[in-house]
Amino acid sequence: MEQELLKIGTIALKKAALNEEAKNFVLQNEMLFKTLKKAAYRYIGGENLDETIISIQKWNKKGFDVTTDFMGESIRNEKDADDATKEFLKLAESIRTTGINSSISLDLSHIGLLVSKELAVQNLSAICEVAKMSNQEVIISMEGTDRTDSILDIYKDTLKRHDNLGITIQAYLKRTEEDFQEMLRLTGSIRLVKGAYDTPNGMSIERGEKLDEIYLEYAEQLLAKNHKCSIASHHEKIHKETTKLINKYKPTDYVLERLLGIRNEELEDFNDNGYNCRVYIVYGTEWYLYLCNRWAEYPLNLFRGIADIVNK
């Protein structure tokens, strides 16, 4: 009964995240906006870059790597894509001038993919160039299955000119078995995630023991080859099993990664025990969708959100 209720809650929260009317209502209602923002701040570095740099510095002082993402996706006009690109360029320059330890993560649809491939490549290349000045890595996030081919094509093409580029691979897609081997032959880093987007029937593997096994098989290949990688998961079992693989193969070019605000205390334990760890920090004002998705992953986090609201 409890699992059924959690599933119902997950579906409802995902729908809430995609409900434009609900989003606009929150943004236009000053009191509601301020109230929900208290819960959102558990999961975001801030609404602007200055706030976020402080958050990055905090995690750096604890000995963590960070990757930073300016929130947004599915931009459908050139002006908005260019504006987002300018913010990423500002982020890259700020990382250089402040000396903080952070890579950059981004969605290609945030910088123009849905306008044209050419625009996305142009903007991605500009970001890579500025990031390279301070040896920063730029990591492409993965999106829905309708965009997978375009994202991988842009990654492979851009990697030829910018070696500070990485890609995200979703273990739950059946096609990943082939894609993974191709990505493994390239020099760019690989962020390994389970995958969270809805897919058409037959395209993906349901969450459970089978997917865990497949994920860990991919992780083992990365760690055995010492291929630069991020093992990104909030599942304690995954990271515990990964540490066994790290102890076995002794790789040096890896990180255990989690989103800010989600089971970070466990990540701190891994860090204290000598494992390389990274926190994924997002920032910006588009936090409504992000907050709903974080709650959708585990609806009981709504209670944590209520506590954040009343205690701040």
Protein backbone atom coordinates (compact mmCIF):
# COMPACT_ATOMS: atom_id res chain seq x y z
CA MET A 1 0.00 0.00 0.00
CA GLU A 2 2.83 2.39 0.90
CA GLN A 3 4.66 1.72 -2.39
CA GLU A 4 1.41 2.29 -4.33
CA LEU A 5 0.90 5.65 -2.61
CA LEU A 6 4.48 6.67 -3.33
CA LYS A 7 3.99 5.77 -7.00
CA ILE A 8 0.79 7.83 -7.15
CA GLY A 9 2.64 10.74 -5.52
CA THR A 10 5.50 10.48 -8.02
CA ILE A 11 3.13 10.60 -11.00
CA ALA A 12 1.24 13.58 -9.54
CA LEU A 13 4.41 15.55 -8.84
CA LYS A 14 5.77 14.90 -12.33
CA LYS A 15 2.51 16.23 -13.75
CA ALA A 16 2.76 19.26 -11.47
CA ALA A 17 6.26 19.93 -12.76
CA LEU A 18 5.01 20.05 -16.34
CA ASN A 19 1.86 22.08 -15.59
CA GLU A 20 2.50 25.53 -17.06
CA GLU A 21 -0.57 27.02 -15.36
CA ALA A 22 0.64 25.84 -11.95
CA LYS A 23 4.13 27.14 -12.65
CA ASN A 24 2.85 30.56 -13.72
CA PHE A 25 0.58 30.72 -10.68
CA VAL A 26 3.54 30.09 -8.38
CA LEU A 27 5.70 32.67 -10.17
CA GLN A 28 2.99 35.33 -10.04
CA ASN A 29 1.93 34.74 -6.44
CA GLU A 30 4.54 36.52 -4.33
CA MET A 31 3.66 34.79 -1.05
CA LEU A 32 3.53 31.29 -2.56
CA PHE A 33 6.75 31.93 -4.49
CA LYS A 34 8.63 33.00 -1.34
CA THR A 35 7.22 30.04 0.59
CA LEU A 36 8.18 27.34 -1.92
CA LYS A 37 11.57 28.95 -2.51
CA LYS A 38 12.49 28.03 1.07
CA ALA A 39 12.05 24.36 0.14
CA ALA A 40 13.82 24.79 -3.21
CA TYR A 41 16.97 26.19 -1.59
CA ARG A 42 17.81 22.74 -0.24
CA TYR A 43 18.44 21.65 -3.82
CA ILE A 44 19.86 24.76 -5.53
CA GLY A 45 23.02 26.78 -5.09
CA GLY A 46 21.09 30.03 -5.40
CA GLU A 47 19.01 32.09 -7.80
CA ASN A 48 22.05 33.95 -9.11
CA LEU A 49 25.73 33.28 -9.75
CA ASP A 50 27.04 35.21 -6.74
CA GLU A 51 25.00 33.08 -4.33
CA THR A 52 26.08 29.94 -6.16
CA ILE A 53 29.79 30.71 -5.96
CA ILE A 54 29.45 30.86 -2.18
CA SER A 55 27.80 27.41 -2.24
CA ILE A 56 30.57 26.02 -4.47
CA GLN A 57 33.26 27.42 -2.18
CA LYS A 58 31.56 25.77 0.80
CA TRP A 59 31.77 22.32 -0.82
CA ASN A 60 35.31 22.93 -2.10
CA LYS A 61 36.43 23.66 1.46
CA LYS A 62 35.05 20.26 2.47
CA GLY A 63 37.24 18.64 -0.17
CA PHE A 64 34.59 18.09 -2.85
CA ASP A 65 34.70 18.61 -6.58
CA VAL A 66 31.67 20.45 -7.94
CA THR A 67 29.89 20.63 -11.26
CA THR A 68 27.59 23.61 -11.81
CA ASP A 69 24.56 23.97 -14.06
CA PHE A 70 22.50 27.06 -14.87
CA MET A 71 18.96 25.64 -14.80
CA GLY A 72 16.93 25.49 -17.99
CA GLU A 73 16.02 23.33 -20.96
CA SER A 74 13.85 23.10 -24.08
CA ILE A 75 14.52 26.67 -25.26
CA ARG A 76 12.79 27.20 -28.59
CA ASN A 77 14.10 30.56 -29.81
CA GLU A 78 17.55 31.84 -30.63
CA LYS A 79 17.50 34.85 -28.30
CA ASP A 80 16.77 32.80 -25.18
CA ALA A 81 19.39 30.22 -26.21
CA ASP A 82 21.98 32.97 -26.67
CA ASP A 83 21.04 34.53 -23.31
CA ALA A 84 21.55 31.15 -21.61
CA THR A 85 24.89 30.78 -23.38
CA LYS A 86 25.99 34.19 -22.08
CA GLU A 87 25.20 33.03 -18.54
CA PHE A 88 27.28 29.87 -19.02
CA LEU A 89 30.14 31.99 -20.36
CA LYS A 90 29.82 34.22 -17.30
CA LEU A 91 29.90 31.09 -15.11
CA ALA A 92 33.05 29.82 -16.84
CA GLU A 93 34.78 33.18 -16.43
CA SER A 94 33.75 33.43 -12.77
CA ILE A 95 35.16 29.96 -12.08
CA ARG A 96 38.45 31.13 -13.59
CA THR A 97 38.67 34.45 -11.74
CA THR A 98 37.62 33.10 -8.33
CA GLY A 99 39.75 29.98 -8.54
CA ILE A 100 36.94 27.70 -7.40
CA ASN A 101 36.92 24.03 -8.34
CA SER A 102 33.97 23.39 -10.64
CA SER A 103 33.19 21.94 -14.01
CA ILE A 104 30.16 23.04 -16.04
CA SER A 105 27.12 20.90 -16.81
CA LEU A 106 24.44 21.84 -19.32
CA ASP A 107 21.52 20.67 -21.45
CA LEU A 108 22.01 21.20 -25.17
CA SER A 109 18.33 22.15 -25.46
CA HIS A 110 19.10 25.08 -23.13
CA ILE A 111 21.62 26.54 -25.58
CA GLY A 112 19.80 26.00 -28.86
CA LEU A 113 19.37 22.33 -29.81
CA LEU A 114 15.63 22.74 -30.47
CA VAL A 115 16.31 25.80 -32.64
CA SER A 116 19.00 24.14 -34.73
CA LYS A 117 21.95 21.78 -34.35
CA GLU A 118 24.18 24.49 -35.76
CA LEU A 119 23.22 26.96 -33.02
CA ALA A 120 23.79 24.36 -30.29
CA VAL A 121 27.24 23.50 -31.70
CA GLN A 122 28.17 27.16 -31.99
CA ASN A 123 27.16 27.95 -28.42
CA LEU A 124 28.67 24.77 -26.98
CA SER A 125 31.98 25.50 -28.70
CA ALA A 126 32.05 29.03 -27.29
CA ILE A 127 31.50 27.70 -23.76
CA CYS A 128 34.20 25.03 -24.20
CA GLU A 129 36.70 27.64 -25.37
CA VAL A 130 36.25 29.86 -22.31
CA ALA A 131 36.17 26.86 -19.96
CA LYS A 132 39.45 25.57 -21.43
CA MET A 133 41.25 28.73 -20.27
CA SER A 134 41.14 27.42 -16.70
CA ASN A 135 41.13 23.68 -17.50
CA GLN A 136 37.41 23.37 -16.82
CA GLU A 137 35.42 20.47 -18.18
CA VAL A 138 32.04 20.94 -19.86
CA ILE A 139 29.66 18.00 -19.39
CA ILE A 140 26.65 17.51 -21.65
CA SER A 141 23.60 16.20 -19.79
CA MET A 142 21.27 13.68 -21.42
CA GLU A 143 17.63 14.45 -22.22
CA GLY A 144 14.60 12.57 -23.59
CA THR A 145 14.97 9.75 -26.10
CA ASP A 146 13.79 11.95 -28.96
CA ARG A 147 17.04 13.92 -28.55
CA THR A 148 19.55 11.15 -27.87
CA ASP A 149 20.89 10.82 -31.42
CA SER A 150 21.30 14.58 -31.85
CA ILE A 151 23.06 14.95 -28.50
CA LEU A 152 25.50 12.11 -29.19
CA ASP A 153 26.20 13.40 -32.71
CA ILE A 154 26.98 16.90 -31.41
CA TYR A 155 29.15 15.47 -28.65
CA LYS A 156 31.21 13.32 -31.01
CA ASP A 157 31.67 16.16 -33.49
CA THR A 158 32.53 18.82 -30.91
CA LEU A 159 34.93 16.52 -29.01
CA LYS A 160 37.17 16.52 -32.10
CA ARG A 161 37.83 20.23 -31.53
CA HIS A 162 37.39 20.54 -27.75
CA ASP A 163 38.97 17.86 -25.59
CA ASN A 164 37.50 19.29 -22.38
CA LEU A 165 34.07 17.84 -23.17
CA GLY A 166 32.16 15.04 -21.46
CA ILE A 167 28.87 13.21 -22.04
CA THR A 168 26.14 11.66 -19.89
CA ILE A 169 25.02 8.08 -20.58
CA GLN A 170 21.72 6.61 -19.32
CA ALA A 171 22.03 2.98 -18.23
CA TYR A 172 18.30 2.25 -18.45
CA LEU A 173 18.10 2.65 -22.24
CA LYS A 174 18.44 -0.61 -24.16
CA ARG A 175 20.37 1.20 -26.89
CA THR A 176 23.04 2.18 -24.35
CA GLU A 177 24.76 -1.20 -24.65
CA GLU A 178 25.94 -0.15 -28.11
CA ASP A 179 26.29 3.60 -27.39
CA PHE A 180 28.41 2.93 -24.31
CA GLN A 181 31.05 0.97 -26.21
CA GLU A 182 31.34 3.77 -28.74
CA MET A 183 31.68 6.42 -26.03
CA LEU A 184 34.24 4.29 -24.20
CA ARG A 185 36.50 4.41 -27.27
CA LEU A 186 36.50 8.22 -27.19
CA THR A 187 38.63 10.36 -24.88
CA GLY A 188 35.85 12.43 -23.29
CA SER A 189 34.63 11.77 -19.77
CA ILE A 190 31.45 9.78 -19.16
CA ARG A 191 28.86 10.55 -16.52
CA LEU A 192 26.91 7.37 -15.84
CA VAL A 193 23.31 7.77 -14.64
CA LYS A 194 20.41 5.34 -14.44
CA GLY A 195 18.05 7.61 -16.40
CA ALA A 196 14.79 9.23 -15.36
CA TYR A 197 12.88 10.31 -18.48
CA ASP A 198 9.71 8.54 -19.57
CA THR A 199 10.31 6.39 -22.65
CA PRO A 200 8.13 4.64 -25.24
CA ASN A 201 7.38 1.00 -24.46
CA GLY A 202 10.26 -1.37 -24.96
CA MET A 203 13.02 1.26 -25.04
CA SER A 204 14.14 1.13 -21.42
CA ILE A 205 14.67 -1.18 -18.46
CA GLU A 206 12.58 -0.71 -15.33
CA ARG A 207 14.30 0.28 -12.11
CA GLY A 208 15.19 -2.69 -9.96
CA GLU A 209 17.88 -5.31 -9.48
CA LYS A 210 18.34 -5.93 -13.21
CA LEU A 211 19.04 -2.26 -13.90
CA ASP A 212 21.35 -2.09 -10.88
CA GLU A 213 23.38 -4.98 -12.30
CA ILE A 214 23.58 -3.37 -15.74
CA TYR A 215 24.60 -0.02 -14.24
CA LEU A 216 27.36 -1.63 -12.19
CA GLU A 217 28.61 -3.55 -15.24
CA TYR A 218 29.05 -0.23 -17.05
CA ALA A 219 30.70 1.27 -13.97
CA GLU A 220 33.14 -1.65 -13.77
CA GLN A 221 34.19 -1.18 -17.39
CA LEU A 222 34.87 2.51 -16.77
CA LEU A 223 36.82 1.94 -13.57
CA ALA A 224 38.79 -1.04 -14.90
CA LYS A 225 40.00 1.08 -17.84
CA ASN A 226 40.50 4.18 -15.65
CA HIS A 227 38.36 6.04 -18.15
CA LYS A 228 37.53 9.49 -16.78
CA CYS A 229 34.06 9.11 -15.32
CA SER A 230 31.41 10.13 -12.85
CA ILE A 231 29.35 7.45 -11.14
CA ALA A 232 26.24 9.53 -10.55
CA SER A 233 23.61 7.95 -8.30
CA HIS A 234 21.63 8.59 -5.13
CA HIS A 235 21.28 4.87 -4.51
CA GLU A 236 23.43 3.88 -1.54
CA LYS A 237 23.82 0.34 -2.88
CA ILE A 238 25.27 1.62 -6.16
CA HIS A 239 27.92 3.75 -4.50
CA LYS A 240 28.80 1.07 -1.96
CA GLU A 241 29.30 -1.49 -4.73
CA THR A 242 31.25 1.10 -6.72
CA THR A 243 33.69 1.59 -3.86
CA LYS A 244 34.41 -2.15 -3.96
CA LEU A 245 35.26 -1.79 -7.67
CA ILE A 246 37.45 1.24 -6.90
CA ASN A 247 39.31 -0.77 -4.27
CA LYS A 248 39.77 -3.57 -6.80
CA TYR A 249 40.95 -1.58 -9.84
CA LYS A 250 42.56 1.44 -8.12
CA PRO A 251 41.41 4.02 -10.72
CA THR A 252 42.36 7.66 -10.24
CA ASP A 253 40.14 9.47 -12.75
CA TYR A 254 36.68 9.02 -11.25
CA VAL A 255 34.17 10.75 -8.95
CA LEU A 256 31.14 9.59 -7.01
CA GLU A 257 28.47 12.19 -7.79
CA ARG A 258 25.17 13.31 -6.26
CA LEU A 259 22.84 16.25 -6.67
CA LEU A 260 22.96 18.95 -4.02
CA GLY A 261 20.46 18.26 -1.25
CA ILE A 262 19.96 14.55 -1.88
CA ARG A 263 21.61 12.13 0.57
CA ASN A 264 24.72 14.31 0.72
CA GLU A 265 25.53 13.05 4.21
CA GLU A 266 26.35 9.64 2.69
CA LEU A 267 28.52 11.33 0.07
CA GLU A 268 30.38 13.11 2.85
CA ASP A 269 31.08 9.73 4.44
CA PHE A 270 32.54 8.45 1.16
CA ASN A 271 34.63 11.61 0.90
CA ASP A 272 35.89 11.20 4.47
CA ASN A 273 36.95 7.65 3.58
CA GLY A 274 39.17 8.88 0.77
CA TYR A 275 36.97 8.47 -2.31
CA ASN A 276 36.77 11.24 -4.92
CA CYS A 277 33.35 12.89 -4.64
CA ARG A 278 31.48 15.57 -6.58
CA VAL A 279 28.35 17.59 -5.86
CA TYR A 280 26.11 18.66 -8.75
CA ILE A 281 24.91 22.22 -8.04
CA VAL A 282 22.22 23.97 -10.07
CA TYR A 283 21.22 27.61 -9.89
CA GLY A 284 18.74 30.06 -11.40
CA THR A 285 15.13 31.15 -11.03
CA GLU A 286 13.62 28.19 -12.91
CA TRP A 287 13.51 26.12 -9.73
CA TYR A 288 9.79 25.20 -9.75
CA LEU A 289 10.26 22.33 -12.22
CA TYR A 290 13.45 21.25 -10.47
CA LEU A 291 11.80 21.20 -7.04
CA CYS A 292 8.84 19.14 -8.27
CA ASN A 293 11.18 16.64 -9.90
CA ARG A 294 13.24 16.26 -6.72
CA TRP A 295 10.06 15.60 -4.76
CA ALA A 296 8.82 13.22 -7.48
CA GLU A 297 11.93 11.06 -7.07
CA TYR A 298 10.89 10.36 -3.49
CA PRO A 299 7.52 11.92 -2.51
CA LEU A 300 8.23 11.61 1.22
CA ASN A 301 10.71 14.46 0.66
CA LEU A 302 7.60 16.66 0.69
CA PHE A 303 7.74 16.40 4.47
CA ARG A 304 11.35 17.58 4.41
CA GLY A 305 10.15 20.47 2.27
CA ILE A 306 7.49 21.38 4.81
CA ALA A 307 10.15 21.36 7.54
CA ASP A 308 12.38 23.63 5.43
CA ILE A 309 9.48 26.05 4.95
CA VAL A 310 8.48 26.34 8.61
CA ASN A 311 12.01 26.36 9.99
CA LYS A 312 13.43 29.11 7.77
